[in-house]
All heavy atoms as atom14 arrays in JSON, in Angstrom:
{
  "sequence": "LFVAALPPIMREAGVTRSEIGYLSLWFLPLLLKFFW",
  "atom14_mask": [
    [1, 1, 1, 1, 1, 1, 1, 1, 0, 0, 0, 0, 0, 0],
    [1, 1, 1, 1, 1, 1, 1, 1, 1, 1, 1, 0, 0, 0],
    [1, 1, 1, 1, 1, 1, 1, 0, 0, 0, 0, 0, 0, 0],
    [1, 1, 1, 1, 1, 0, 0, 0, 0, 0, 0, 0, 0, 0],
    [1, 1, 1, 1, 1, 0, 0, 0, 0, 0, 0, 0, 0, 0],
    [1, 1, 1, 1, 1, 1, 1, 1, 0, 0, 0, 0, 0, 0],
    [1, 1, 1, 1, 1, 1, 1, 0, 0, 0, 0, 0, 0, 0],
    [1, 1, 1, 1, 1, 1, 1, 0, 0, 0, 0, 0, 0, 0],
    [1, 1, 1, 1, 1, 1, 1, 1, 0, 0, 0, 0, 0, 0],
    [1, 1, 1, 1, 1, 1, 1, 1, 0, 0, 0, 0, 0, 0],
    [1, 1, 1, 1, 1, 1, 1, 1, 1, 1, 1, 0, 0, 0],
    [1, 1, 1, 1, 1, 1, 1, 1, 1, 0, 0, 0, 0, 0],
    [1, 1, 1, 1, 1, 0, 0, 0, 0, 0, 0, 0, 0, 0],
    [1, 1, 1, 1, 0, 0, 0, 0, 0, 0, 0, 0, 0, 0],
    [1, 1, 1, 1, 1, 1, 1, 0, 0, 0, 0, 0, 0, 0],
    [1, 1, 1, 1, 1, 1, 1, 0, 0, 0, 0, 0, 0, 0],
    [1, 1, 1, 1, 1, 1, 1, 1, 1, 1, 1, 0, 0, 0],
    [1, 1, 1, 1, 1, 1, 0, 0, 0, 0, 0, 0, 0, 0],
    [1, 1, 1, 1, 1, 1, 1, 1, 1, 0, 0, 0, 0, 0],
    [1, 1, 1, 1, 1, 1, 1, 1, 0, 0, 0, 0, 0, 0],
    [1, 1, 1, 1, 0, 0, 0, 0, 0, 0, 0, 0, 0, 0],
    [1, 1, 1, 1, 1, 1, 1, 1, 1, 1, 1, 1, 0, 0],
    [1, 1, 1, 1, 1, 1, 1, 1, 0, 0, 0, 0, 0, 0],
    [1, 1, 1, 1, 1, 1, 0, 0, 0, 0, 0, 0, 0, 0],
    [1, 1, 1, 1, 1, 1, 1, 1, 0, 0, 0, 0, 0, 0],
    [1, 1, 1, 1, 1, 1, 1, 1, 1, 1, 1, 1, 1, 1],
    [1, 1, 1, 1, 1, 1, 1, 1, 1, 1, 1, 0, 0, 0],
    [1, 1, 1, 1, 1, 1, 1, 1, 0, 0, 0, 0, 0, 0],
    [1, 1, 1, 1, 1, 1, 1, 0, 0, 0, 0, 0, 0, 0],
    [1, 1, 1, 1, 1, 1, 1, 1, 0, 0, 0, 0, 0, 0],
    [1, 1, 1, 1, 1, 1, 1, 1, 0, 0, 0, 0, 0, 0],
    [1, 1, 1, 1, 1, 1, 1, 1, 0, 0, 0, 0, 0, 0],
    [1, 1, 1, 1, 1, 1, 1, 1, 1, 0, 0, 0, 0, 0],
    [1, 1, 1, 1, 1, 1, 1, 1, 1, 1, 1, 0, 0, 0],
    [1, 1, 1, 1, 1, 1, 1, 1, 1, 1, 1, 0, 0, 0],
    [1, 1, 1, 1, 1, 1, 1, 1, 1, 1, 1, 1, 1, 1]
  ],
  "atom14_positions": [
    [[-6.57, -7.83, -1.95], [-5.26, -8.56, -1.76], [-4.18, -7.56, -1.48], [-3.45, -7.7, -0.5], [-4.88, -9.35, -3.0], [-3.55, -10.02, -2.95], [-3.53, -11.19, -2.01], [-3.04, -10.33, -4.35], [0.0, 0.0, 0.0], [0.0, 0.0, 0.0], [0.0, 0.0, 0.0], [0.0, 0.0, 0.0], [0.0, 0.0, 0.0], [0.0, 0.0, 0.0]],
    [[-4.2, -6.44, -2.2], [-3.13, -5.41, -1.98], [-3.3, -4.63, -0.65], [-2.31, -4.46, 0.08], [-3.2, -4.35, -3.15], [-2.54, -4.86, -4.37], [-3.26, -5.04, -5.61], [-1.18, -5.2, -4.44], [-2.63, -5.48, -6.71], [-0.55, -5.63, -5.61], [-1.35, -5.8, -6.74], [0.0, 0.0, 0.0], [0.0, 0.0, 0.0], [0.0, 0.0, 0.0]],
    [[-4.55, -4.23, -0.3], [-4.74, -3.3, 0.83], [-5.03, -4.01, 2.1], [-4.77, -3.45, 3.23], [-5.8, -2.28, 0.54], [-5.49, -1.52, -0.73], [-7.22, -2.92, 0.42], [0.0, 0.0, 0.0], [0.0, 0.0, 0.0], [0.0, 0.0, 0.0], [0.0, 0.0, 0.0], [0.0, 0.0, 0.0], [0.0, 0.0, 0.0], [0.0, 0.0, 0.0]],
    [[-5.55, -5.3, 2.05], [-5.89, -5.96, 3.32], [-4.94, -7.09, 3.63], [-4.66, -7.34, 4.83], [-7.38, -6.43, 3.21], [0.0, 0.0, 0.0], [0.0, 0.0, 0.0], [0.0, 0.0, 0.0], [0.0, 0.0, 0.0], [0.0, 0.0, 0.0], [0.0, 0.0, 0.0], [0.0, 0.0, 0.0], [0.0, 0.0, 0.0], [0.0, 0.0, 0.0]],
    [[-4.53, -7.86, 2.67], [-3.69, -9.05, 2.9], [-2.22, -8.73, 3.0], [-1.5, -9.17, 3.88], [-3.97, -10.12, 1.92], [0.0, 0.0, 0.0], [0.0, 0.0, 0.0], [0.0, 0.0, 0.0], [0.0, 0.0, 0.0], [0.0, 0.0, 0.0], [0.0, 0.0, 0.0], [0.0, 0.0, 0.0], [0.0, 0.0, 0.0], [0.0, 0.0, 0.0]],
    [[-1.68, -7.98, 2.0], [-0.24, -7.75, 1.96], [0.35, -6.99, 3.06], [1.44, -7.31, 3.54], [0.1, -7.1, 0.54], [-0.11, -7.93, -0.67], [0.49, -7.25, -1.92], [0.49, -9.41, -0.54], [0.0, 0.0, 0.0], [0.0, 0.0, 0.0], [0.0, 0.0, 0.0], [0.0, 0.0, 0.0], [0.0, 0.0, 0.0], [0.0, 0.0, 0.0]],
    [[-0.32, -5.9, 3.57], [0.33, -5.14, 4.68], [0.58, -6.0, 5.94], [1.74, -5.96, 6.39], [-0.71, -4.03, 4.99], [-1.32, -3.78, 3.66], [-1.5, -5.17, 3.07], [0.0, 0.0, 0.0], [0.0, 0.0, 0.0], [0.0, 0.0, 0.0], [0.0, 0.0, 0.0], [0.0, 0.0, 0.0], [0.0, 0.0, 0.0], [0.0, 0.0, 0.0]],
    [[-0.31, -6.77, 6.52], [0.01, -7.61, 7.6], [1.0, -8.73, 7.32], [1.85, -9.09, 8.1], [-1.32, -8.22, 8.1], [-2.26, -8.01, 7.02], [-1.77, -6.83, 6.23], [0.0, 0.0, 0.0], [0.0, 0.0, 0.0], [0.0, 0.0, 0.0], [0.0, 0.0, 0.0], [0.0, 0.0, 0.0], [0.0, 0.0, 0.0], [0.0, 0.0, 0.0]],
    [[0.95, -9.31, 6.12], [1.93, -10.29, 5.68], [3.35, -9.65, 5.67], [4.33, -10.3, 6.15], [1.57, -10.81, 4.24], [0.35, -11.75, 4.31], [2.78, -11.61, 3.69], [-0.15, -12.2, 2.95], [0.0, 0.0, 0.0], [0.0, 0.0, 0.0], [0.0, 0.0, 0.0], [0.0, 0.0, 0.0], [0.0, 0.0, 0.0], [0.0, 0.0, 0.0]],
    [[3.45, -8.48, 5.1], [4.75, -7.8, 5.09], [5.23, -7.42, 6.45], [6.36, -7.47, 6.78], [4.59, -6.58, 4.13], [4.33, -7.05, 2.69], [4.04, -5.62, 1.65], [5.67, -4.78, 1.53], [0.0, 0.0, 0.0], [0.0, 0.0, 0.0], [0.0, 0.0, 0.0], [0.0, 0.0, 0.0], [0.0, 0.0, 0.0], [0.0, 0.0, 0.0]],
    [[4.3, -7.02, 7.34], [4.7, -6.62, 8.73], [5.23, -7.87, 9.48], [6.24, -7.73, 10.18], [3.47, -6.07, 9.51], [3.73, -5.64, 10.92], [4.77, -4.59, 11.04], [4.99, -4.14, 12.37], [6.01, -3.42, 12.8], [6.92, -3.07, 11.97], [6.07, -3.08, 14.08], [0.0, 0.0, 0.0], [0.0, 0.0, 0.0], [0.0, 0.0, 0.0]],
    [[4.54, -8.99, 9.27], [5.06, -10.21, 9.98], [6.45, -10.62, 9.43], [7.28, -11.19, 10.15], [4.05, -11.33, 9.73], [4.41, -12.6, 10.53], [3.5, -13.74, 10.22], [3.48, -14.21, 9.07], [2.82, -14.26, 11.14], [0.0, 0.0, 0.0], [0.0, 0.0, 0.0], [0.0, 0.0, 0.0], [0.0, 0.0, 0.0], [0.0, 0.0, 0.0]],
    [[6.68, -10.31, 8.11], [7.95, -10.62, 7.52], [9.07, -9.67, 7.94], [10.22, -9.81, 7.47], [7.82, -10.65, 6.02], [0.0, 0.0, 0.0], [0.0, 0.0, 0.0], [0.0, 0.0, 0.0], [0.0, 0.0, 0.0], [0.0, 0.0, 0.0], [0.0, 0.0, 0.0], [0.0, 0.0, 0.0], [0.0, 0.0, 0.0], [0.0, 0.0, 0.0]],
    [[8.72, -8.6, 8.71], [9.77, -7.69, 9.18], [9.82, -6.37, 8.54], [10.71, -5.53, 8.91], [0.0, 0.0, 0.0], [0.0, 0.0, 0.0], [0.0, 0.0, 0.0], [0.0, 0.0, 0.0], [0.0, 0.0, 0.0], [0.0, 0.0, 0.0], [0.0, 0.0, 0.0], [0.0, 0.0, 0.0], [0.0, 0.0, 0.0], [0.0, 0.0, 0.0]],
    [[8.86, -6.03, 7.69], [8.88, -4.74, 7.07], [8.41, -3.71, 8.12], [7.55, -3.95, 8.88], [7.86, -4.71, 5.84], [7.77, -3.31, 5.17], [8.34, -5.75, 4.83], [0.0, 0.0, 0.0], [0.0, 0.0, 0.0], [0.0, 0.0, 0.0], [0.0, 0.0, 0.0], [0.0, 0.0, 0.0], [0.0, 0.0, 0.0], [0.0, 0.0, 0.0]],
    [[9.03, -2.48, 8.03], [8.74, -1.47, 9.05], [7.35, -0.81, 8.84], [6.87, -0.86, 7.72], [9.8, -0.36, 9.05], [9.76, 0.36, 7.86], [11.2, -0.95, 9.25], [0.0, 0.0, 0.0], [0.0, 0.0, 0.0], [0.0, 0.0, 0.0], [0.0, 0.0, 0.0], [0.0, 0.0, 0.0], [0.0, 0.0, 0.0], [0.0, 0.0, 0.0]],
    [[6.87, -0.16, 9.86], [5.54, 0.49, 9.73], [5.64, 1.61, 8.68], [4.68, 1.91, 8.0], [5.06, 0.99, 11.13], [4.68, -0.13, 11.99], [4.25, 0.34, 13.38], [5.28, 1.05, 14.08], [5.23, 1.45, 15.35], [4.08, 1.3, 16.02], [6.24, 2.07, 15.95], [0.0, 0.0, 0.0], [0.0, 0.0, 0.0], [0.0, 0.0, 0.0]],
    [[6.75, 2.38, 8.74], [6.95, 3.47, 7.79], [6.84, 2.96, 6.32], [6.22, 3.56, 5.46], [8.17, 4.24, 8.04], [8.21, 4.89, 9.32], [0.0, 0.0, 0.0], [0.0, 0.0, 0.0], [0.0, 0.0, 0.0], [0.0, 0.0, 0.0], [0.0, 0.0, 0.0], [0.0, 0.0, 0.0], [0.0, 0.0, 0.0], [0.0, 0.0, 0.0]],
    [[7.58, 1.87, 6.08], [7.53, 1.31, 4.72], [6.13, 0.83, 4.36], [5.7, 0.97, 3.2], [8.49, 0.15, 4.62], [9.97, 0.53, 4.61], [10.93, -0.67, 4.62], [10.73, -1.54, 5.43], [11.87, -0.6, 3.85], [0.0, 0.0, 0.0], [0.0, 0.0, 0.0], [0.0, 0.0, 0.0], [0.0, 0.0, 0.0], [0.0, 0.0, 0.0]],
    [[5.41, 0.24, 5.32], [4.02, -0.19, 5.07], [3.18, 1.0, 4.72], [2.28, 0.95, 3.9], [3.53, -1.0, 6.24], [4.2, -2.34, 6.35], [2.0, -1.13, 6.15], [3.82, -3.14, 7.59], [0.0, 0.0, 0.0], [0.0, 0.0, 0.0], [0.0, 0.0, 0.0], [0.0, 0.0, 0.0], [0.0, 0.0, 0.0], [0.0, 0.0, 0.0]],
    [[3.47, 2.12, 5.43], [2.71, 3.35, 5.11], [2.9, 3.82, 3.67], [1.99, 4.3, 3.04], [0.0, 0.0, 0.0], [0.0, 0.0, 0.0], [0.0, 0.0, 0.0], [0.0, 0.0, 0.0], [0.0, 0.0, 0.0], [0.0, 0.0, 0.0], [0.0, 0.0, 0.0], [0.0, 0.0, 0.0], [0.0, 0.0, 0.0], [0.0, 0.0, 0.0]],
    [[4.09, 3.53, 3.07], [4.4, 3.83, 1.69], [3.53, 3.05, 0.71], [3.4, 3.44, -0.47], [5.86, 3.7, 1.37], [6.74, 4.64, 2.12], [7.99, 4.23, 2.58], [6.3, 5.97, 2.45], [8.81, 5.07, 3.32], [7.13, 6.77, 3.21], [8.41, 6.41, 3.6], [9.18, 7.25, 4.33], [0.0, 0.0, 0.0], [0.0, 0.0, 0.0]],
    [[2.98, 1.91, 1.18], [2.14, 1.14, 0.31], [0.89, 1.95, -0.14], [0.23, 1.58, -1.17], [1.68, -0.14, 1.05], [2.79, -1.13, 1.37], [2.17, -2.39, 2.11], [3.55, -1.62, 0.21], [0.0, 0.0, 0.0], [0.0, 0.0, 0.0], [0.0, 0.0, 0.0], [0.0, 0.0, 0.0], [0.0, 0.0, 0.0], [0.0, 0.0, 0.0]],
    [[0.63, 3.01, 0.57], [-0.5, 3.9, 0.12], [-0.28, 4.5, -1.18], [-1.23, 5.07, -1.78], [-0.72, 4.9, 1.23], [-1.14, 4.34, 2.48], [0.0, 0.0, 0.0], [0.0, 0.0, 0.0], [0.0, 0.0, 0.0], [0.0, 0.0, 0.0], [0.0, 0.0, 0.0], [0.0, 0.0, 0.0], [0.0, 0.0, 0.0], [0.0, 0.0, 0.0]],
    [[0.94, 4.46, -1.73], [1.22, 4.87, -3.1], [0.32, 4.14, -4.1], [0.09, 4.61, -5.19], [2.69, 4.71, -3.44], [3.66, 5.68, -2.83], [5.09, 5.25, -3.02], [3.48, 7.06, -3.33], [0.0, 0.0, 0.0], [0.0, 0.0, 0.0], [0.0, 0.0, 0.0], [0.0, 0.0, 0.0], [0.0, 0.0, 0.0], [0.0, 0.0, 0.0]],
    [[-0.13, 2.93, -3.71], [-1.06, 2.24, -4.54], [-2.32, 3.05, -4.97], [-2.93, 2.81, -5.96], [-1.5, 0.9, -3.87], [-0.45, -0.16, -3.74], [0.65, -0.29, -4.52], [-0.41, -1.15, -2.77], [1.37, -1.35, -4.08], [0.75, -1.91, -2.98], [-1.22, -1.58, -1.7], [1.15, -2.95, -2.21], [-0.9, -2.67, -0.96], [0.3, -3.34, -1.25]],
    [[-2.68, 3.96, -4.02], [-3.85, 4.72, -4.29], [-3.67, 5.82, -5.31], [-4.63, 6.47, -5.73], [-4.36, 5.41, -2.96], [-4.89, 4.42, -1.96], [-4.16, 4.11, -0.85], [-6.17, 3.85, -2.14], [-4.67, 3.19, 0.09], [-6.67, 2.98, -1.3], [-5.98, 2.62, -0.13], [0.0, 0.0, 0.0], [0.0, 0.0, 0.0], [0.0, 0.0, 0.0]],
    [[-2.4, 6.11, -5.72], [-2.11, 7.24, -6.6], [-2.92, 7.17, -7.9], [-3.52, 8.18, -8.29], [-0.63, 7.25, -6.89], [-0.07, 8.54, -7.51], [-0.42, 9.77, -6.62], [1.41, 8.45, -7.78], [0.0, 0.0, 0.0], [0.0, 0.0, 0.0], [0.0, 0.0, 0.0], [0.0, 0.0, 0.0], [0.0, 0.0, 0.0], [0.0, 0.0, 0.0]],
    [[-2.99, 6.03, -8.66], [-3.77, 6.05, -9.86], [-5.27, 6.31, -9.55], [-6.02, 6.93, -10.39], [-3.6, 4.6, -10.41], [-2.23, 4.24, -9.92], [-2.23, 4.8, -8.5], [0.0, 0.0, 0.0], [0.0, 0.0, 0.0], [0.0, 0.0, 0.0], [0.0, 0.0, 0.0], [0.0, 0.0, 0.0], [0.0, 0.0, 0.0], [0.0, 0.0, 0.0]],
    [[-5.79, 5.87, -8.42], [-7.15, 6.09, -8.03], [-7.38, 7.55, -7.8], [-8.54, 8.06, -8.03], [-7.53, 5.29, -6.82], [-7.48, 3.75, -6.95], [-7.75, 3.07, -5.61], [-8.51, 3.27, -7.97], [0.0, 0.0, 0.0], [0.0, 0.0, 0.0], [0.0, 0.0, 0.0], [0.0, 0.0, 0.0], [0.0, 0.0, 0.0], [0.0, 0.0, 0.0]],
    [[-6.39, 8.28, -7.35], [-6.57, 9.73, -7.12], [-6.48, 10.51, -8.4], [-7.14, 11.54, -8.56], [-5.41, 10.22, -6.23], [-5.35, 9.66, -4.85], [-4.14, 10.25, -4.07], [-6.59, 9.89, -4.06], [0.0, 0.0, 0.0], [0.0, 0.0, 0.0], [0.0, 0.0, 0.0], [0.0, 0.0, 0.0], [0.0, 0.0, 0.0], [0.0, 0.0, 0.0]],
    [[-5.69, 10.02, -9.37], [-5.48, 10.78, -10.63], [-6.33, 10.33, -11.82], [-6.2, 10.82, -12.88], [-3.97, 10.68, -10.94], [-3.04, 11.21, -9.95], [-1.56, 10.96, -10.41], [-3.24, 12.67, -9.67], [0.0, 0.0, 0.0], [0.0, 0.0, 0.0], [0.0, 0.0, 0.0], [0.0, 0.0, 0.0], [0.0, 0.0, 0.0], [0.0, 0.0, 0.0]],
    [[-7.12, 9.33, -11.66], [-7.83, 8.72, -12.73], [-8.83, 9.68, -13.41], [-9.25, 9.48, -14.57], [-8.62, 7.43, -12.3], [-9.7, 7.72, -11.27], [-10.35, 6.38, -10.85], [-11.45, 6.62, -9.78], [-12.05, 5.37, -9.41], [0.0, 0.0, 0.0], [0.0, 0.0, 0.0], [0.0, 0.0, 0.0], [0.0, 0.0, 0.0], [0.0, 0.0, 0.0]],
    [[-9.13, 10.83, -12.77], [-10.05, 11.73, -13.4], [-9.39, 12.38, -14.63], [-10.04, 12.92, -15.51], [-10.48, 12.88, -12.42], [-9.38, 13.72, -11.88], [-8.99, 14.84, -12.53], [-8.78, 13.38, -10.69], [-7.99, 15.67, -11.97], [-7.74, 14.13, -10.17], [-7.33, 15.32, -10.82], [0.0, 0.0, 0.0], [0.0, 0.0, 0.0], [0.0, 0.0, 0.0]],
    [[-8.05, 12.33, -14.75], [-7.28, 12.81, -15.88], [-7.69, 12.12, -17.16], [-7.76, 12.63, -18.24], [-5.79, 12.86, -15.68], [-5.35, 13.96, -14.75], [-4.69, 13.73, -13.59], [-5.47, 15.33, -15.17], [-4.23, 14.71, -12.74], [-5.03, 16.32, -14.36], [-4.4, 16.04, -13.16], [0.0, 0.0, 0.0], [0.0, 0.0, 0.0], [0.0, 0.0, 0.0]],
    [[-7.8, 10.76, -17.01], [-8.04, 9.91, -18.19], [-9.55, 9.43, -18.23], [-9.89, 8.71, -19.14], [-7.08, 8.78, -18.37], [-7.06, 7.75, -17.26], [-7.8, 6.62, -17.22], [-6.21, 7.77, -16.12], [-7.47, 5.91, -16.08], [-6.53, 6.6, -15.41], [-5.27, 8.64, -15.6], [-5.85, 6.23, -14.21], [-4.63, 8.38, -14.44], [-4.92, 7.17, -13.72]]
  ]
}
């Protein structure tokens, strides 16, 4: 839902491509989960 549905929905609603690129921050916990 987060990585496949929301980006095109937000793009159609007028969100810029650069802002959509920032959605990749969602991956941050997946990158750091080795800490816990």
